[in-house]
Amino acid sequence: MSEGKKTCDLCNLTVEVSGFTLKLKTGEEKVFCCEGCKGIYQMLNEDKVLPE
C-alpha cells in the first residue's frame, strides 16, 4: 500500500472517497470507506461518538 493511503477503521479496506468520518469524545477521528461501515461503527460505539 502506498504512503498516505488511509484504511477504513472498520473493515481495513482502502479509503477511496473522503467524507465518511466520525469524531470521538476523545478527540480522535475515525475514517471509513463507505456509509455502511460508518453506520455500523457508530451503532456499535454510540457511547464513544460525538453527536453529529
PDB file of N, CA and C in Angstrom:
ATOM      1  N   MET A   1       0.850  -1.180   0.000  1.00  0.00           N
ATOM      2  CA  MET A   1       0.000   0.000   0.000  1.00  0.00           C
ATOM      3  C   MET A   1       0.889   1.234   0.000  1.00  0.00           C
ATOM      4  N   SER A   2       0.544   2.216  -0.787  1.00  0.00           N
ATOM      5  CA  SER A   2       1.373   3.420  -0.874  1.00  0.00           C
ATOM      6  C   SER A   2       1.175   4.313   0.339  1.00  0.00           C
ATOM      7  N   GLU A   3       2.208   5.113   0.624  1.00  0.00           N
ATOM      8  CA  GLU A   3       2.125   6.030   1.759  1.00  0.00           C
ATOM      9  C   GLU A   3       1.015   7.052   1.542  1.00  0.00           C
ATOM     10  N   GLY A   4       0.368   7.448   2.627  1.00  0.00           N
ATOM     11  CA  GLY A   4      -0.671   8.460   2.536  1.00  0.00           C
ATOM     12  C   GLY A   4      -2.063   7.890   2.349  1.00  0.00           C
ATOM     13  N   LYS A   5      -2.162   6.616   1.924  1.00  0.00           N
ATOM     14  CA  LYS A   5      -3.474   5.990   1.766  1.00  0.00           C
ATOM     15  C   LYS A   5      -4.002   5.615   3.142  1.00  0.00           C
ATOM     16  N   LYS A   6      -5.241   5.969   3.396  1.00  0.00           N
ATOM     17  CA  LYS A   6      -5.868   5.619   4.670  1.00  0.00           C
ATOM     18  C   LYS A   6      -6.659   4.336   4.491  1.00  0.00           C
ATOM     19  N   THR A   7      -6.812   3.611   5.598  1.00  0.00           N
ATOM     20  CA  THR A   7      -7.638   2.418   5.569  1.00  0.00           C
ATOM     21  C   THR A   7      -8.837   2.619   6.490  1.00  0.00           C
ATOM     22  N   CYS A   8      -9.911   1.953   6.149  1.00  0.00           N
ATOM     23  CA  CYS A   8     -11.154   2.036   6.909  1.00  0.00           C
ATOM     24  C   CYS A   8     -10.933   1.525   8.332  1.00  0.00           C
ATOM     25  N   ASP A   9     -11.425   2.267   9.317  1.00  0.00           N
ATOM     26  CA  ASP A   9     -11.276   1.878  10.716  1.00  0.00           C
ATOM     27  C   ASP A   9     -12.215   0.740  11.116  1.00  0.00           C
ATOM     28  N   LEU A  10     -13.039   0.256  10.186  1.00  0.00           N
ATOM     29  CA  LEU A  10     -13.902  -0.887  10.492  1.00  0.00           C
ATOM     30  C   LEU A  10     -13.439  -2.128   9.723  1.00  0.00           C
ATOM     31  N   CYS A  11     -13.326  -2.029   8.399  1.00  0.00           N
ATOM     32  CA  CYS A  11     -13.048  -3.218   7.581  1.00  0.00           C
ATOM     33  C   CYS A  11     -11.634  -3.266   7.005  1.00  0.00           C
ATOM     34  N   ASN A  12     -10.863  -2.209   7.187  1.00  0.00           N
ATOM     35  CA  ASN A  12      -9.471  -2.117   6.713  1.00  0.00           C
ATOM     36  C   ASN A  12      -9.298  -2.027   5.203  1.00  0.00           C
ATOM     37  N   LEU A  13     -10.368  -1.774   4.442  1.00  0.00           N
ATOM     38  CA  LEU A  13     -10.219  -1.519   3.017  1.00  0.00           C
ATOM     39  C   LEU A  13      -9.657  -0.108   2.829  1.00  0.00           C
ATOM     40  N   THR A  14      -9.040   0.133   1.678  1.00  0.00           N
ATOM     41  CA  THR A  14      -8.508   1.458   1.372  1.00  0.00           C
ATOM     42  C   THR A  14      -9.648   2.452   1.223  1.00  0.00           C
ATOM     43  N   VAL A  15      -9.488   3.628   1.819  1.00  0.00           N
ATOM     44  CA  VAL A  15     -10.493   4.685   1.721  1.00  0.00           C
ATOM     45  C   VAL A  15     -10.268   5.426   0.400  1.00  0.00           C
ATOM     46  N   GLU A  16     -11.190   5.246  -0.542  1.00  0.00           N
ATOM     47  CA  GLU A  16     -11.091   5.862  -1.870  1.00  0.00           C
ATOM     48  C   GLU A  16     -11.832   7.196  -1.936  1.00  0.00           C
ATOM     49  N   VAL A  17     -12.876   7.353  -1.107  1.00  0.00           N
ATOM     50  CA  VAL A  17     -13.709   8.557  -1.115  1.00  0.00           C
ATOM     51  C   VAL A  17     -13.696   9.169   0.281  1.00  0.00           C
ATOM     52  N   SER A  18     -13.390  10.448   0.356  1.00  0.00           N
ATOM     53  CA  SER A  18     -13.379  11.099   1.666  1.00  0.00           C
ATOM     54  C   SER A  18     -14.798  11.492   2.070  1.00  0.00           C
ATOM     55  N   GLY A  19     -14.963  11.830   3.340  1.00  0.00           N
ATOM     56  CA  GLY A  19     -16.257  12.305   3.801  1.00  0.00           C
ATOM     57  C   GLY A  19     -16.954  11.389   4.774  1.00  0.00           C
ATOM     58  N   PHE A  20     -16.489  10.156   4.891  1.00  0.00           N
ATOM     59  CA  PHE A  20     -17.102   9.214   5.827  1.00  0.00           C
ATOM     60  C   PHE A  20     -16.258   9.182   7.096  1.00  0.00           C
ATOM     61  N   THR A  21     -16.497  10.143   7.983  1.00  0.00           N
ATOM     62  CA  THR A  21     -15.710  10.245   9.218  1.00  0.00           C
ATOM     63  C   THR A  21     -16.624  10.423  10.427  1.00  0.00           C
ATOM     64  N   LEU A  22     -16.100  10.051  11.575  1.00  0.00           N
ATOM     65  CA  LEU A  22     -16.780  10.259  12.852  1.00  0.00           C
ATOM     66  C   LEU A  22     -15.772  10.817  13.841  1.00  0.00           C
ATOM     67  N   LYS A  23     -16.208  11.758  14.656  1.00  0.00           N
ATOM     68  CA  LYS A  23     -15.361  12.287  15.717  1.00  0.00           C
ATOM     69  C   LYS A  23     -15.751  11.612  17.031  1.00  0.00           C
ATOM     70  N   LEU A  24     -14.725  11.180  17.759  1.00  0.00           N
ATOM     71  CA  LEU A  24     -14.948  10.527  19.047  1.00  0.00           C
ATOM     72  C   LEU A  24     -14.814  11.534  20.171  1.00  0.00           C
ATOM     73  N   LYS A  25     -15.359  11.196  21.332  1.00  0.00           N
ATOM     74  CA  LYS A  25     -15.289  12.074  22.501  1.00  0.00           C
ATOM     75  C   LYS A  25     -13.848  12.292  22.953  1.00  0.00           C
ATOM     76  N   THR A  26     -12.940  11.398  22.579  1.00  0.00           N
ATOM     77  CA  THR A  26     -11.526  11.516  22.940  1.00  0.00           C
ATOM     78  C   THR A  26     -10.799  12.532  22.064  1.00  0.00           C
ATOM     79  N   GLY A  27     -11.463  13.024  21.008  1.00  0.00           N
ATOM     80  CA  GLY A  27     -10.850  13.950  20.074  1.00  0.00           C
ATOM     81  C   GLY A  27     -10.316  13.253  18.827  1.00  0.00           C
ATOM     82  N   GLU A  28     -10.285  11.941  18.864  1.00  0.00           N
ATOM     83  CA  GLU A  28      -9.817  11.152  17.725  1.00  0.00           C
ATOM     84  C   GLU A  28     -10.866  11.187  16.611  1.00  0.00           C
ATOM     85  N   GLU A  29     -10.412  11.047  15.368  1.00  0.00           N
ATOM     86  CA  GLU A  29     -11.330  10.985  14.232  1.00  0.00           C
ATOM     87  C   GLU A  29     -11.174   9.638  13.547  1.00  0.00           C
ATOM     88  N   LYS A  30     -12.275   8.958  13.320  1.00  0.00           N
ATOM     89  CA  LYS A  30     -12.277   7.669  12.632  1.00  0.00           C
ATOM     90  C   LYS A  30     -12.658   7.903  11.177  1.00  0.00           C
ATOM     91  N   VAL A  31     -12.033   7.157  10.261  1.00  0.00           N
ATOM     92  CA  VAL A  31     -12.246   7.300   8.817  1.00  0.00           C
ATOM     93  C   VAL A  31     -12.776   5.975   8.277  1.00  0.00           C
ATOM     94  N   PHE A  32     -13.766   6.055   7.384  1.00  0.00           N
ATOM     95  CA  PHE A  32     -14.399   4.856   6.845  1.00  0.00           C
ATOM     96  C   PHE A  32     -14.442   4.897   5.324  1.00  0.00           C
ATOM     97  N   CYS A  33     -14.560   3.706   4.711  1.00  0.00           N
ATOM     98  CA  CYS A  33     -14.566   3.602   3.249  1.00  0.00           C
ATOM     99  C   CYS A  33     -15.956   3.847   2.659  1.00  0.00           C
ATOM    100  N   CYS A  34     -17.006   3.725   3.491  1.00  0.00           N
ATOM    101  CA  CYS A  34     -18.365   3.897   2.978  1.00  0.00           C
ATOM    102  C   CYS A  34     -19.324   4.239   4.116  1.00  0.00           C
ATOM    103  N   GLU A  35     -20.523   4.632   3.761  1.00  0.00           N
ATOM    104  CA  GLU A  35     -21.546   4.986   4.741  1.00  0.00           C
ATOM    105  C   GLU A  35     -21.949   3.780   5.590  1.00  0.00           C
ATOM    106  N   GLY A  36     -21.908   2.581   5.016  1.00  0.00           N
ATOM    107  CA  GLY A  36     -22.257   1.374   5.755  1.00  0.00           C
ATOM    108  C   GLY A  36     -21.310   1.115   6.919  1.00  0.00           C
ATOM    109  N   CYS A  37     -19.998   1.191   6.650  1.00  0.00           N
ATOM    110  CA  CYS A  37     -19.009   0.981   7.715  1.00  0.00           C
ATOM    111  C   CYS A  37     -19.131   2.068   8.781  1.00  0.00           C
ATOM    112  N   LYS A  38     -19.342   3.292   8.352  1.00  0.00           N
ATOM    113  CA  LYS A  38     -19.508   4.392   9.302  1.00  0.00           C
ATOM    114  C   LYS A  38     -20.706   4.132  10.208  1.00  0.00           C
ATOM    115  N   GLY A  39     -21.827   3.718   9.633  1.00  0.00           N
ATOM    116  CA  GLY A  39     -23.041   3.464  10.399  1.00  0.00           C
ATOM    117  C   GLY A  39     -22.893   2.316  11.380  1.00  0.00           C
ATOM    118  N   ILE A  40     -22.236   1.242  10.954  1.00  0.00           N
ATOM    119  CA  ILE A  40     -22.030   0.090  11.833  1.00  0.00           C
ATOM    120  C   ILE A  40     -21.134   0.484  13.002  1.00  0.00           C
ATOM    121  N   TYR A  41     -20.034   1.199  12.720  1.00  0.00           N
ATOM    122  CA  TYR A  41     -19.138   1.632  13.796  1.00  0.00           C
ATOM    123  C   TYR A  41     -19.889   2.533  14.775  1.00  0.00           C
ATOM    124  N   GLN A  42     -20.668   3.459  14.241  1.00  0.00           N
ATOM    125  CA  GLN A  42     -21.425   4.394  15.072  1.00  0.00           C
ATOM    126  C   GLN A  42     -22.423   3.647  15.958  1.00  0.00           C
ATOM    127  N   MET A  43     -23.100   2.666  15.410  1.00  0.00           N
ATOM    128  CA  MET A  43     -24.079   1.890  16.167  1.00  0.00           C
ATOM    129  C   MET A  43     -23.405   1.086  17.285  1.00  0.00           C
ATOM    130  N   LEU A  44     -22.251   0.500  16.991  1.00  0.00           N
ATOM    131  CA  LEU A  44     -21.556  -0.334  17.973  1.00  0.00           C
ATOM    132  C   LEU A  44     -20.831   0.479  19.049  1.00  0.00           C
ATOM    133  N   ASN A  45     -20.582   1.767  18.775  1.00  0.00           N
ATOM    134  CA  ASN A  45     -19.803   2.596  19.688  1.00  0.00           C
ATOM    135  C   ASN A  45     -20.519   3.889  20.057  1.00  0.00           C
ATOM    136  N   GLU A  46     -21.836   3.834  20.201  1.00  0.00           N
ATOM    137  CA  GLU A  46     -22.648   5.031  20.474  1.00  0.00           C
ATOM    138  C   GLU A  46     -22.129   5.856  21.633  1.00  0.00           C
ATOM    139  N   ASP A  47     -21.620   5.190  22.669  1.00  0.00           N
ATOM    140  CA  ASP A  47     -21.163   5.901  23.872  1.00  0.00           C
ATOM    141  C   ASP A  47     -19.847   6.637  23.673  1.00  0.00           C
ATOM    142  N   LYS A  48     -19.118   6.347  22.589  1.00  0.00           N
ATOM    143  CA  LYS A  48     -17.813   6.972  22.342  1.00  0.00           C
ATOM    144  C   LYS A  48     -17.853   8.055  21.253  1.00  0.00           C
ATOM    145  N   VAL A  49     -18.950   8.103  20.479  1.00  0.00           N
ATOM    146  CA  VAL A  49     -19.047   9.001  19.329  1.00  0.00           C
ATOM    147  C   VAL A  49     -19.750  10.299  19.706  1.00  0.00           C
ATOM    148  N   LEU A  50     -19.197  11.413  19.231  1.00  0.00           N
ATOM    149  CA  LEU A  50     -19.851  12.710  19.427  1.00  0.00           C
ATOM    150  C   LEU A  50     -21.075  12.794  18.519  1.00  0.00           C
ATOM    151  N   PRO A  51     -22.145  13.420  18.986  1.00  0.00           N
ATOM    152  CA  PRO A  51     -23.318  13.588  18.102  1.00  0.00           C
ATOM    153  C   PRO A  51     -22.963  14.482  16.916  1.00  0.00           C
ATOM    154  N   GLU A  52     -23.540  14.159  15.771  1.00  0.00           N
ATOM    155  CA  GLU A  52     -23.250  14.940  14.556  1.00  0.00           C
ATOM    156  C   GLU A  52     -24.066  16.193  14.505  1.00  0.00           C
TER     157      GLU A  52
END
